[in-house]
PDB file of all heavy atoms in Angstrom:
ATOM      1  N   ALA A   1     -18.166 -38.264  -1.517  1.00  0.00           N
ATOM      2  CA  ALA A   1     -18.595 -39.262  -0.555  1.00  0.00           C
ATOM      3  C   ALA A   1     -18.648 -38.576   0.804  1.00  0.00           C
ATOM      4  O   ALA A   1     -18.154 -37.449   0.955  1.00  0.00           O
ATOM      5  CB  ALA A   1     -17.625 -40.453  -0.548  1.00  0.00           C
ATOM      6  N   PRO A   2     -19.240 -39.238   1.802  1.00  0.00           N
ATOM      7  CA  PRO A   2     -19.343 -38.577   3.112  1.00  0.00           C
ATOM      8  C   PRO A   2     -18.008 -38.139   3.693  1.00  0.00           C
ATOM      9  O   PRO A   2     -17.961 -37.242   4.512  1.00  0.00           O
ATOM     10  CB  PRO A   2     -20.007 -39.648   3.989  1.00  0.00           C
ATOM     11  CG  PRO A   2     -20.774 -40.494   3.039  1.00  0.00           C
ATOM     12  CD  PRO A   2     -19.956 -40.534   1.777  1.00  0.00           C
ATOM     13  N   ASN A   3     -16.921 -38.762   3.251  1.00  0.00           N
ATOM     14  CA  ASN A   3     -15.618 -38.437   3.827  1.00  0.00           C
ATOM     15  C   ASN A   3     -14.601 -37.989   2.775  1.00  0.00           C
ATOM     16  O   ASN A   3     -13.394 -38.113   2.968  1.00  0.00           O
ATOM     17  CB  ASN A   3     -15.062 -39.636   4.595  1.00  0.00           C
ATOM     18  CG  ASN A   3     -14.968 -40.876   3.723  1.00  0.00           C
ATOM     19  OD1 ASN A   3     -15.338 -40.846   2.544  1.00  0.00           O
ATOM     20  ND2 ASN A   3     -14.479 -41.963   4.307  1.00  0.00           N
ATOM     21  N   PHE A   4     -15.089 -37.447   1.644  1.00  0.00           N
ATOM     22  CA  PHE A   4     -14.165 -36.984   0.607  1.00  0.00           C
ATOM     23  C   PHE A   4     -14.801 -35.813  -0.145  1.00  0.00           C
ATOM     24  O   PHE A   4     -15.877 -35.957  -0.728  1.00  0.00           O
ATOM     25  CB  PHE A   4     -13.831 -38.110  -0.360  1.00  0.00           C
ATOM     26  CG  PHE A   4     -12.756 -37.737  -1.357  1.00  0.00           C
ATOM     27  CD1 PHE A   4     -11.568 -37.155  -0.947  1.00  0.00           C
ATOM     28  CD2 PHE A   4     -12.939 -37.971  -2.710  1.00  0.00           C
ATOM     29  CE1 PHE A   4     -10.577 -36.817  -1.860  1.00  0.00           C
ATOM     30  CE2 PHE A   4     -11.958 -37.647  -3.632  1.00  0.00           C
ATOM     31  CZ  PHE A   4     -10.772 -37.064  -3.203  1.00  0.00           C
ATOM     32  N   ARG A   5     -14.104 -34.651  -0.119  1.00  0.00           N
ATOM     33  CA  ARG A   5     -14.665 -33.413  -0.648  1.00  0.00           C
ATOM     34  C   ARG A   5     -13.656 -32.695  -1.534  1.00  0.00           C
ATOM     35  O   ARG A   5     -12.450 -32.921  -1.425  1.00  0.00           O
ATOM     36  CB  ARG A   5     -15.068 -32.484   0.513  1.00  0.00           C
ATOM     37  CG  ARG A   5     -16.062 -33.121   1.468  1.00  0.00           C
ATOM     38  CD  ARG A   5     -16.216 -32.312   2.747  1.00  0.00           C
ATOM     39  NE  ARG A   5     -15.016 -32.344   3.586  1.00  0.00           N
ATOM     40  CZ  ARG A   5     -14.734 -33.324   4.444  1.00  0.00           C
ATOM     41  NH1 ARG A   5     -15.538 -34.373   4.536  1.00  0.00           N
ATOM     42  NH2 ARG A   5     -13.660 -33.271   5.195  1.00  0.00           N
ATOM     43  N   MET A   6     -14.169 -31.832  -2.360  1.00  0.00           N
ATOM     44  CA  MET A   6     -13.332 -31.043  -3.262  1.00  0.00           C
ATOM     45  C   MET A   6     -13.769 -29.583  -3.210  1.00  0.00           C
ATOM     46  O   MET A   6     -14.952 -29.272  -3.090  1.00  0.00           O
ATOM     47  CB  MET A   6     -13.443 -31.582  -4.688  1.00  0.00           C
ATOM     48  CG  MET A   6     -12.583 -30.864  -5.731  1.00  0.00           C
ATOM     49  SD  MET A   6     -13.399 -29.402  -6.445  1.00  0.00           S
ATOM     50  CE  MET A   6     -14.777 -30.160  -7.284  1.00  0.00           C
ATOM     51  N   ASN A   7     -12.799 -28.697  -3.313  1.00  0.00           N
ATOM     52  CA  ASN A   7     -13.050 -27.257  -3.345  1.00  0.00           C
ATOM     53  C   ASN A   7     -12.132 -26.652  -4.396  1.00  0.00           C
ATOM     54  O   ASN A   7     -10.905 -26.698  -4.249  1.00  0.00           O
ATOM     55  CB  ASN A   7     -12.773 -26.647  -1.962  1.00  0.00           C
ATOM     56  CG  ASN A   7     -13.025 -25.157  -1.901  1.00  0.00           C
ATOM     57  OD1 ASN A   7     -12.712 -24.421  -2.836  1.00  0.00           O
ATOM     58  ND2 ASN A   7     -13.550 -24.691  -0.785  1.00  0.00           N
ATOM     59  N   SER A   8     -12.709 -26.112  -5.476  1.00  0.00           N
ATOM     60  CA  SER A   8     -11.924 -25.431  -6.510  1.00  0.00           C
ATOM     61  C   SER A   8     -12.303 -23.965  -6.537  1.00  0.00           C
ATOM     62  O   SER A   8     -13.488 -23.617  -6.414  1.00  0.00           O
ATOM     63  CB  SER A   8     -12.187 -26.052  -7.888  1.00  0.00           C
ATOM     64  OG  SER A   8     -11.453 -27.241  -8.055  1.00  0.00           O
ATOM     65  N   GLN A   9     -11.301 -23.103  -6.709  1.00  0.00           N
ATOM     66  CA  GLN A   9     -11.547 -21.666  -6.634  1.00  0.00           C
ATOM     67  C   GLN A   9     -10.725 -20.934  -7.685  1.00  0.00           C
ATOM     68  O   GLN A   9      -9.520 -21.145  -7.808  1.00  0.00           O
ATOM     69  CB  GLN A   9     -11.194 -21.159  -5.234  1.00  0.00           C
ATOM     70  CG  GLN A   9     -11.417 -19.682  -5.016  1.00  0.00           C
ATOM     71  CD  GLN A   9     -11.235 -19.299  -3.557  1.00  0.00           C
ATOM     72  OE1 GLN A   9     -11.886 -19.829  -2.668  1.00  0.00           O
ATOM     73  NE2 GLN A   9     -10.321 -18.363  -3.300  1.00  0.00           N
ATOM     74  N   LEU A  10     -11.389 -20.094  -8.453  1.00  0.00           N
ATOM     75  CA  LEU A  10     -10.744 -19.203  -9.416  1.00  0.00           C
ATOM     76  C   LEU A  10     -10.923 -17.782  -8.914  1.00  0.00           C
ATOM     77  O   LEU A  10     -12.057 -17.349  -8.664  1.00  0.00           O
ATOM     78  CB  LEU A  10     -11.363 -19.372 -10.802  1.00  0.00           C
ATOM     79  CG  LEU A  10     -10.812 -18.485 -11.924  1.00  0.00           C
ATOM     80  CD1 LEU A  10      -9.344 -18.811 -12.194  1.00  0.00           C
ATOM     81  CD2 LEU A  10     -11.642 -18.645 -13.197  1.00  0.00           C
ATOM     82  N   SER A  11      -9.829 -17.044  -8.749  1.00  0.00           N
ATOM     83  CA  SER A  11      -9.880 -15.740  -8.098  1.00  0.00           C
ATOM     84  C   SER A  11      -9.190 -14.672  -8.927  1.00  0.00           C
ATOM     85  O   SER A  11      -8.178 -14.930  -9.594  1.00  0.00           O
ATOM     86  CB  SER A  11      -9.201 -15.800  -6.718  1.00  0.00           C
ATOM     87  OG  SER A  11      -9.768 -16.798  -5.903  1.00  0.00           O
ATOM     88  N   TYR A  12      -9.743 -13.492  -8.849  1.00  0.00           N
ATOM     89  CA  TYR A  12      -9.105 -12.285  -9.396  1.00  0.00           C
ATOM     90  C   TYR A  12      -9.060 -11.255  -8.281  1.00  0.00           C
ATOM     91  O   TYR A  12     -10.075 -10.992  -7.617  1.00  0.00           O
ATOM     92  CB  TYR A  12      -9.888 -11.730 -10.579  1.00  0.00           C
ATOM     93  CG  TYR A  12      -9.471 -10.313 -10.953  1.00  0.00           C
ATOM     94  CD1 TYR A  12      -8.366 -10.084 -11.756  1.00  0.00           C
ATOM     95  CD2 TYR A  12     -10.170  -9.207 -10.459  1.00  0.00           C
ATOM     96  CE1 TYR A  12      -7.967  -8.797 -12.080  1.00  0.00           C
ATOM     97  CE2 TYR A  12      -9.784  -7.918 -10.771  1.00  0.00           C
ATOM     98  CZ  TYR A  12      -8.675  -7.710 -11.581  1.00  0.00           C
ATOM     99  OH  TYR A  12      -8.282  -6.433 -11.884  1.00  0.00           O
ATOM    100  N   ILE A  13      -7.906 -10.667  -8.063  1.00  0.00           N
ATOM    101  CA  ILE A  13      -7.740  -9.597  -7.078  1.00  0.00           C
ATOM    102  C   ILE A  13      -7.026  -8.445  -7.759  1.00  0.00           C
ATOM    103  O   ILE A  13      -5.976  -8.633  -8.382  1.00  0.00           O
ATOM    104  CB  ILE A  13      -6.936 -10.063  -5.849  1.00  0.00           C
ATOM    105  CG1 ILE A  13      -7.654 -11.207  -5.136  1.00  0.00           C
ATOM    106  CG2 ILE A  13      -6.705  -8.907  -4.887  1.00  0.00           C
ATOM    107  CD1 ILE A  13      -6.860 -11.793  -3.994  1.00  0.00           C
ATOM    108  N   GLY A  14      -7.592  -7.265  -7.677  1.00  0.00           N
ATOM    109  CA  GLY A  14      -6.973  -6.085  -8.275  1.00  0.00           C
ATOM    110  C   GLY A  14      -6.949  -4.930  -7.297  1.00  0.00           C
ATOM    111  O   GLY A  14      -7.841  -4.787  -6.455  1.00  0.00           O
ATOM    112  N   SER A  15      -5.934  -4.128  -7.394  1.00  0.00           N
ATOM    113  CA  SER A  15      -5.845  -2.926  -6.561  1.00  0.00           C
ATOM    114  C   SER A  15      -5.024  -1.880  -7.295  1.00  0.00           C
ATOM    115  O   SER A  15      -4.120  -2.211  -8.063  1.00  0.00           O
ATOM    116  CB  SER A  15      -5.203  -3.230  -5.205  1.00  0.00           C
ATOM    117  OG  SER A  15      -3.838  -3.603  -5.357  1.00  0.00           O
ATOM    118  N   ASP A  16      -5.379  -0.641  -7.092  1.00  0.00           N
ATOM    119  CA  ASP A  16      -4.540   0.448  -7.588  1.00  0.00           C
ATOM    120  C   ASP A  16      -4.659   1.615  -6.641  1.00  0.00           C
ATOM    121  O   ASP A  16      -5.694   1.823  -5.994  1.00  0.00           O
ATOM    122  CB  ASP A  16      -4.918   0.842  -9.017  1.00  0.00           C
ATOM    123  CG  ASP A  16      -6.341   1.360  -9.144  1.00  0.00           C
ATOM    124  OD1 ASP A  16      -6.583   2.523  -8.790  1.00  0.00           O
ATOM    125  OD2 ASP A  16      -7.220   0.591  -9.600  1.00  0.00           O
ATOM    126  N   GLN A  17      -3.591   2.341  -6.527  1.00  0.00           N
ATOM    127  CA  GLN A  17      -3.589   3.534  -5.688  1.00  0.00           C
ATOM    128  C   GLN A  17      -2.636   4.553  -6.285  1.00  0.00           C
ATOM    129  O   GLN A  17      -1.672   4.205  -6.970  1.00  0.00           O
ATOM    130  CB  GLN A  17      -3.194   3.198  -4.252  1.00  0.00           C
ATOM    131  CG  GLN A  17      -1.739   2.811  -4.043  1.00  0.00           C
ATOM    132  CD  GLN A  17      -1.343   2.867  -2.575  1.00  0.00           C
ATOM    133  OE1 GLN A  17      -1.674   3.813  -1.857  1.00  0.00           O
ATOM    134  NE2 GLN A  17      -0.633   1.839  -2.107  1.00  0.00           N
ATOM    135  N   GLU A  18      -2.947   5.792  -6.023  1.00  0.00           N
ATOM    136  CA  GLU A  18      -2.049   6.888  -6.377  1.00  0.00           C
ATOM    137  C   GLU A  18      -2.126   7.936  -5.288  1.00  0.00           C
ATOM    138  O   GLU A  18      -3.181   8.160  -4.682  1.00  0.00           O
ATOM    139  CB  GLU A  18      -2.394   7.477  -7.741  1.00  0.00           C
ATOM    140  CG  GLU A  18      -3.806   7.995  -7.916  1.00  0.00           C
ATOM    141  CD  GLU A  18      -4.065   8.487  -9.325  1.00  0.00           C
ATOM    142  OE1 GLU A  18      -4.357   7.657 -10.203  1.00  0.00           O
ATOM    143  OE2 GLU A  18      -3.958   9.709  -9.534  1.00  0.00           O
ATOM    144  N   TYR A  19      -0.989   8.553  -5.013  1.00  0.00           N
ATOM    145  CA  TYR A  19      -0.968   9.532  -3.925  1.00  0.00           C
ATOM    146  C   TYR A  19       0.187  10.501  -4.081  1.00  0.00           C
ATOM    147  O   TYR A  19       1.214  10.198  -4.702  1.00  0.00           O
ATOM    148  CB  TYR A  19      -0.874   8.831  -2.565  1.00  0.00           C
ATOM    149  CG  TYR A  19       0.349   7.957  -2.363  1.00  0.00           C
ATOM    150  CD1 TYR A  19       1.550   8.470  -1.864  1.00  0.00           C
ATOM    151  CD2 TYR A  19       0.295   6.595  -2.647  1.00  0.00           C
ATOM    152  CE1 TYR A  19       2.652   7.668  -1.672  1.00  0.00           C
ATOM    153  CE2 TYR A  19       1.398   5.782  -2.461  1.00  0.00           C
ATOM    154  CZ  TYR A  19       2.578   6.320  -1.962  1.00  0.00           C
ATOM    155  OH  TYR A  19       3.680   5.519  -1.783  1.00  0.00           O
ATOM    156  N   ILE A  20      -0.023  11.665  -3.528  1.00  0.00           N
ATOM    157  CA  ILE A  20       1.017  12.666  -3.300  1.00  0.00           C
ATOM    158  C   ILE A  20       0.931  13.023  -1.827  1.00  0.00           C
ATOM    159  O   ILE A  20      -0.150  13.324  -1.307  1.00  0.00           O
ATOM    160  CB  ILE A  20       0.811  13.921  -4.160  1.00  0.00           C
ATOM    161  CG1 ILE A  20       0.976  13.583  -5.644  1.00  0.00           C
ATOM    162  CG2 ILE A  20       1.793  15.015  -3.762  1.00  0.00           C
ATOM    163  CD1 ILE A  20       0.721  14.768  -6.560  1.00  0.00           C
ATOM    164  N   VAL A  21       2.049  12.985  -1.153  1.00  0.00           N
ATOM    165  CA  VAL A  21       2.045  13.196   0.287  1.00  0.00           C
ATOM    166  C   VAL A  21       3.264  14.027   0.671  1.00  0.00           C
ATOM    167  O   VAL A  21       4.322  13.947   0.043  1.00  0.00           O
ATOM    168  CB  VAL A  21       2.047  11.840   1.026  1.00  0.00           C
ATOM    169  CG1 VAL A  21       3.258  11.015   0.646  1.00  0.00           C
ATOM    170  CG2 VAL A  21       1.964  12.026   2.531  1.00  0.00           C
ATOM    171  N   SER A  22       3.109  14.844   1.694  1.00  0.00           N
ATOM    172  CA  SER A  22       4.208  15.646   2.223  1.00  0.00           C
ATOM    173  C   SER A  22       4.864  14.902   3.375  1.00  0.00           C
ATOM    174  O   SER A  22       4.174  14.423   4.288  1.00  0.00           O
ATOM    175  CB  SER A  22       3.694  17.005   2.723  1.00  0.00           C
ATOM    176  OG  SER A  22       3.055  17.710   1.686  1.00  0.00           O
ATOM    177  N   ARG A  23       6.186  14.805   3.327  1.00  0.00           N
ATOM    178  CA  ARG A  23       6.914  14.097   4.378  1.00  0.00           C
ATOM    179  C   ARG A  23       7.558  15.094   5.324  1.00  0.00           C
ATOM    180  O   ARG A  23       8.548  15.747   4.974  1.00  0.00           O
ATOM    181  CB  ARG A  23       7.991  13.204   3.763  1.00  0.00           C
ATOM    182  CG  ARG A  23       8.645  12.276   4.781  1.00  0.00           C
ATOM    183  CD  ARG A  23       9.855  11.573   4.202  1.00  0.00           C
ATOM    184  NE  ARG A  23      10.984  12.491   4.054  1.00  0.00           N
ATOM    185  CZ  ARG A  23      12.176  12.137   3.566  1.00  0.00           C
ATOM    186  NH1 ARG A  23      12.362  10.893   3.168  1.00  0.00           N
ATOM    187  NH2 ARG A  23      13.152  13.004   3.460  1.00  0.00           N
ATOM    188  N   PRO A  24       7.033  15.245   6.537  1.00  0.00           N
ATOM    189  CA  PRO A  24       7.629  16.192   7.490  1.00  0.00           C
ATOM    190  C   PRO A  24       8.913  15.631   8.092  1.00  0.00           C
ATOM    191  O   PRO A  24       8.903  14.603   8.757  1.00  0.00           O
ATOM    192  CB  PRO A  24       6.533  16.353   8.550  1.00  0.00           C
ATOM    193  CG  PRO A  24       5.779  15.062   8.505  1.00  0.00           C
ATOM    194  CD  PRO A  24       5.836  14.585   7.083  1.00  0.00           C
ATOM    195  N   THR A  25      10.029  16.313   7.824  1.00  0.00           N
ATOM    196  CA  THR A  25      11.330  15.839   8.289  1.00  0.00           C
ATOM    197  C   THR A  25      12.167  17.032   8.742  1.00  0.00           C
ATOM    198  O   THR A  25      12.186  18.075   8.085  1.00  0.00           O
ATOM    199  CB  THR A  25      12.080  15.105   7.160  1.00  0.00           C
ATOM    200  OG1 THR A  25      11.227  14.110   6.598  1.00  0.00           O
ATOM    201  CG2 THR A  25      13.349  14.451   7.686  1.00  0.00           C
ATOM    202  N   ILE A  26      12.835  16.869   9.856  1.00  0.00           N
ATOM    203  CA  ILE A  26      13.734  17.919  10.349  1.00  0.00           C
ATOM    204  C   ILE A  26      15.054  17.846   9.575  1.00  0.00           C
ATOM    205  O   ILE A  26      15.675  16.782   9.469  1.00  0.00           O
ATOM    206  CB  ILE A  26      13.989  17.764  11.849  1.00  0.00           C
ATOM    207  CG1 ILE A  26      12.679  17.881  12.630  1.00  0.00           C
ATOM    208  CG2 ILE A  26      14.986  18.823  12.330  1.00  0.00           C
ATOM    209  CD1 ILE A  26      11.975  19.214  12.464  1.00  0.00           C
ATOM    210  N   ILE A  27      15.476  19.004   9.040  1.00  0.00           N
ATOM    211  CA  ILE A  27      16.715  19.066   8.278  1.00  0.00           C
ATOM    212  C   ILE A  27      17.679  20.043   8.940  1.00  0.00           C
ATOM    213  O   ILE A  27      17.403  20.565  10.031  1.00  0.00           O
ATOM    214  CB  ILE A  27      16.441  19.476   6.813  1.00  0.00           C
ATOM    215  CG1 ILE A  27      15.782  20.864   6.760  1.00  0.00           C
ATOM    216  CG2 ILE A  27      15.561  18.435   6.126  1.00  0.00           C
ATOM    217  CD1 ILE A  27      15.633  21.401   5.351  1.00  0.00           C
ATOM    218  N   GLU A  28      18.789  20.296   8.290  1.00  0.00           N
ATOM    219  CA  GLU A  28      19.838  21.160   8.838  1.00  0.00           C
ATOM    220  C   GLU A  28      19.268  22.491   9.290  1.00  0.00           C
ATOM    221  O   GLU A  28      18.441  23.107   8.614  1.00  0.00           O
ATOM    222  CB  GLU A  28      20.922  21.386   7.784  1.00  0.00           C
ATOM    223  CG  GLU A  28      22.125  22.155   8.289  1.00  0.00           C
ATOM    224  CD  GLU A  28      23.203  22.301   7.233  1.00  0.00           C
ATOM    225  OE1 GLU A  28      23.039  21.725   6.128  1.00  0.00           O
ATOM    226  OE2 GLU A  28      24.204  22.985   7.493  1.00  0.00           O
ATOM    227  N   GLY A  29      19.704  22.941  10.455  1.00  0.00           N
ATOM    228  CA  GLY A  29      19.208  24.192  11.029  1.00  0.00           C
ATOM    229  C   GLY A  29      17.961  24.011  11.872  1.00  0.00           C
ATOM    230  O   GLY A  29      17.405  24.992  12.376  1.00  0.00           O
ATOM    231  N   GLY A  30      17.521  22.761  12.021  1.00  0.00           N
ATOM    232  CA  GLY A  30      16.323  22.509  12.816  1.00  0.00           C
ATOM    233  C   GLY A  30      15.044  22.900  12.120  1.00  0.00           C
ATOM    234  O   GLY A  30      13.995  23.022  12.766  1.00  0.00           O
ATOM    235  N   LEU A  31      15.110  23.108  10.793  1.00  0.00           N
ATOM    236  CA  LEU A  31      13.921  23.494  10.035  1.00  0.00           C
ATOM    237  C   LEU A  31      13.109  22.261   9.651  1.00  0.00           C
ATOM    238  O   LEU A  31      13.623  21.144   9.598  1.00  0.00           O
ATOM    239  CB  LEU A  31      14.332  24.258   8.779  1.00  0.00           C
ATOM    240  CG  LEU A  31      15.068  25.583   9.000  1.00  0.00           C
ATOM    241  CD1 LEU A  31      15.510  26.185   7.676  1.00  0.00           C
ATOM    242  CD2 LEU A  31      14.203  26.568   9.787  1.00  0.00           C
ATOM    243  N   LEU A  32      11.844  22.508   9.376  1.00  0.00           N
ATOM    244  CA  LEU A  32      10.932  21.435   8.980  1.00  0.00           C
ATOM    245  C   LEU A  32      10.783  21.439   7.469  1.00  0.00           C
ATOM    246  O   LEU A  32      10.295  22.401   6.879  1.00  0.00           O
ATOM    247  CB  LEU A  32       9.564  21.618   9.648  1.00  0.00           C
ATOM    248  CG  LEU A  32       8.484  20.595   9.270  1.00  0.00           C
ATOM    249  CD1 LEU A  32       8.906  19.208   9.712  1.00  0.00           C
ATOM    250  CD2 LEU A  32       7.150  20.963   9.895  1.00  0.00           C
ATOM    251  N   ASP A  33      11.226  20.346   6.852  1.00  0.00           N
ATOM    252  CA  ASP A  33      11.085  20.186   5.414  1.00  0.00           C
ATOM    253  C   ASP A  33       9.894  19.282   5.137  1.00  0.00           C
ATOM    254  O   ASP A  33       9.667  18.300   5.847  1.00  0.00           O
ATOM    255  CB  ASP A  33      12.356  19.568   4.822  1.00  0.00           C
ATOM    256  CG  ASP A  33      12.195  19.249   3.343  1.00  0.00           C
ATOM    257  OD1 ASP A  33      12.223  20.192   2.544  1.00  0.00           O
ATOM    258  OD2 ASP A  33      12.014  18.064   3.018  1.00  0.00           O
ATOM    259  N   ARG A  34       9.137  19.617   4.097  1.00  0.00           N
ATOM    260  CA  ARG A  34       7.966  18.815   3.745  1.00  0.00           C
ATOM    261  C   ARG A  34       8.084  18.350   2.297  1.00  0.00           C
ATOM    262  O   ARG A  34       7.254  18.657   1.452  1.00  0.00           O
ATOM    263  CB  ARG A  34       6.692  19.626   3.979  1.00  0.00           C
ATOM    264  CG  ARG A  34       6.465  19.889   5.469  1.00  0.00           C
ATOM    265  CD  ARG A  34       5.349  20.871   5.707  1.00  0.00           C
ATOM    266  NE  ARG A  34       5.706  22.209   5.256  1.00  0.00           N
ATOM    267  CZ  ARG A  34       4.891  23.264   5.337  1.00  0.00           C
ATOM    268  NH1 ARG A  34       3.691  23.109   5.828  1.00  0.00           N
ATOM    269  NH2 ARG A  34       5.277  24.443   4.910  1.00  0.00           N
ATOM    270  N   GLY A  35       9.165  17.623   2.051  1.00  0.00           N
ATOM    271  CA  GLY A  35       9.420  17.127   0.708  1.00  0.00           C
ATOM    272  C   GLY A  35       8.314  16.209   0.221  1.00  0.00           C
ATOM    273  O   GLY A  35       7.709  15.462   0.983  1.00  0.00           O
ATOM    274  N   LEU A  36       8.062  16.284  -1.066  1.00  0.00           N
ATOM    275  CA  LEU A  36       6.984  15.512  -1.669  1.00  0.00           C
ATOM    276  C   LEU A  36       7.410  14.070  -1.890  1.00  0.00           C
ATOM    277  O   LEU A  36       8.519  13.796  -2.326  1.00  0.00           O
ATOM    278  CB  LEU A  36       6.592  16.170  -2.991  1.00  0.00           C
ATOM    279  CG  LEU A  36       5.512  15.527  -3.860  1.00  0.00           C
ATOM    280  CD1 LEU A  36       4.792  16.613  -4.644  1.00  0.00           C
ATOM    281  CD2 LEU A  36       6.104  14.504  -4.831  1.00  0.00           C
ATOM    282  N   ARG A  37       6.525  13.151  -1.574  1.00  0.00           N
ATOM    283  CA  ARG A  37       6.666  11.750  -1.928  1.00  0.00           C
ATOM    284  C   ARG A  37       5.410  11.346  -2.686  1.00  0.00           C
ATOM    285  O   ARG A  37       4.330  11.877  -2.446  1.00  0.00           O
ATOM    286  CB  ARG A  37       6.845  10.871  -0.689  1.00  0.00           C
ATOM    287  CG  ARG A  37       8.153  11.149   0.060  1.00  0.00           C
ATOM    288  CD  ARG A  37       9.362  10.822  -0.806  1.00  0.00           C
ATOM    289  NE  ARG A  37      10.612  10.976  -0.091  1.00  0.00           N
ATOM    290  CZ  ARG A  37      11.303  12.099  -0.005  1.00  0.00           C
ATOM    291  NH1 ARG A  37      10.830  13.209  -0.559  1.00  0.00           N
ATOM    292  NH2 ARG A  37      12.441  12.139   0.640  1.00  0.00           N
ATOM    293  N   SER A  38       5.544  10.392  -3.586  1.00  0.00           N
ATOM    294  CA  SER A  38       4.397  10.029  -4.416  1.00  0.00           C
ATOM    295  C   SER A  38       4.480   8.562  -4.803  1.00  0.00           C
ATOM    296  O   SER A  38       5.533   7.922  -4.696  1.00  0.00           O
ATOM    297  CB  SER A  38       4.351  10.893  -5.681  1.00  0.00           C
ATOM    298  OG  SER A  38       5.507  10.672  -6.481  1.00  0.00           O
ATOM    299  N   GLY A  39       3.375   8.048  -5.268  1.00  0.00           N
ATOM    300  CA  GLY A  39       3.341   6.676  -5.736  1.00  0.00           C
ATOM    301  C   GLY A  39       2.104   6.416  -6.567  1.00  0.00           C
ATOM    302  O   GLY A  39       1.040   6.995  -6.319  1.00  0.00           O
TER     303      GLY A  39
END
């Protein structure tokens, strides 16, 4: 009707990621460590 409405929605959302990354961090002795992190 002019003053009554309906909205129905069916949704699919997908995502995937993979990575290997170096983490720059200062460790003992003031050295730079680049330990691996991943996901």
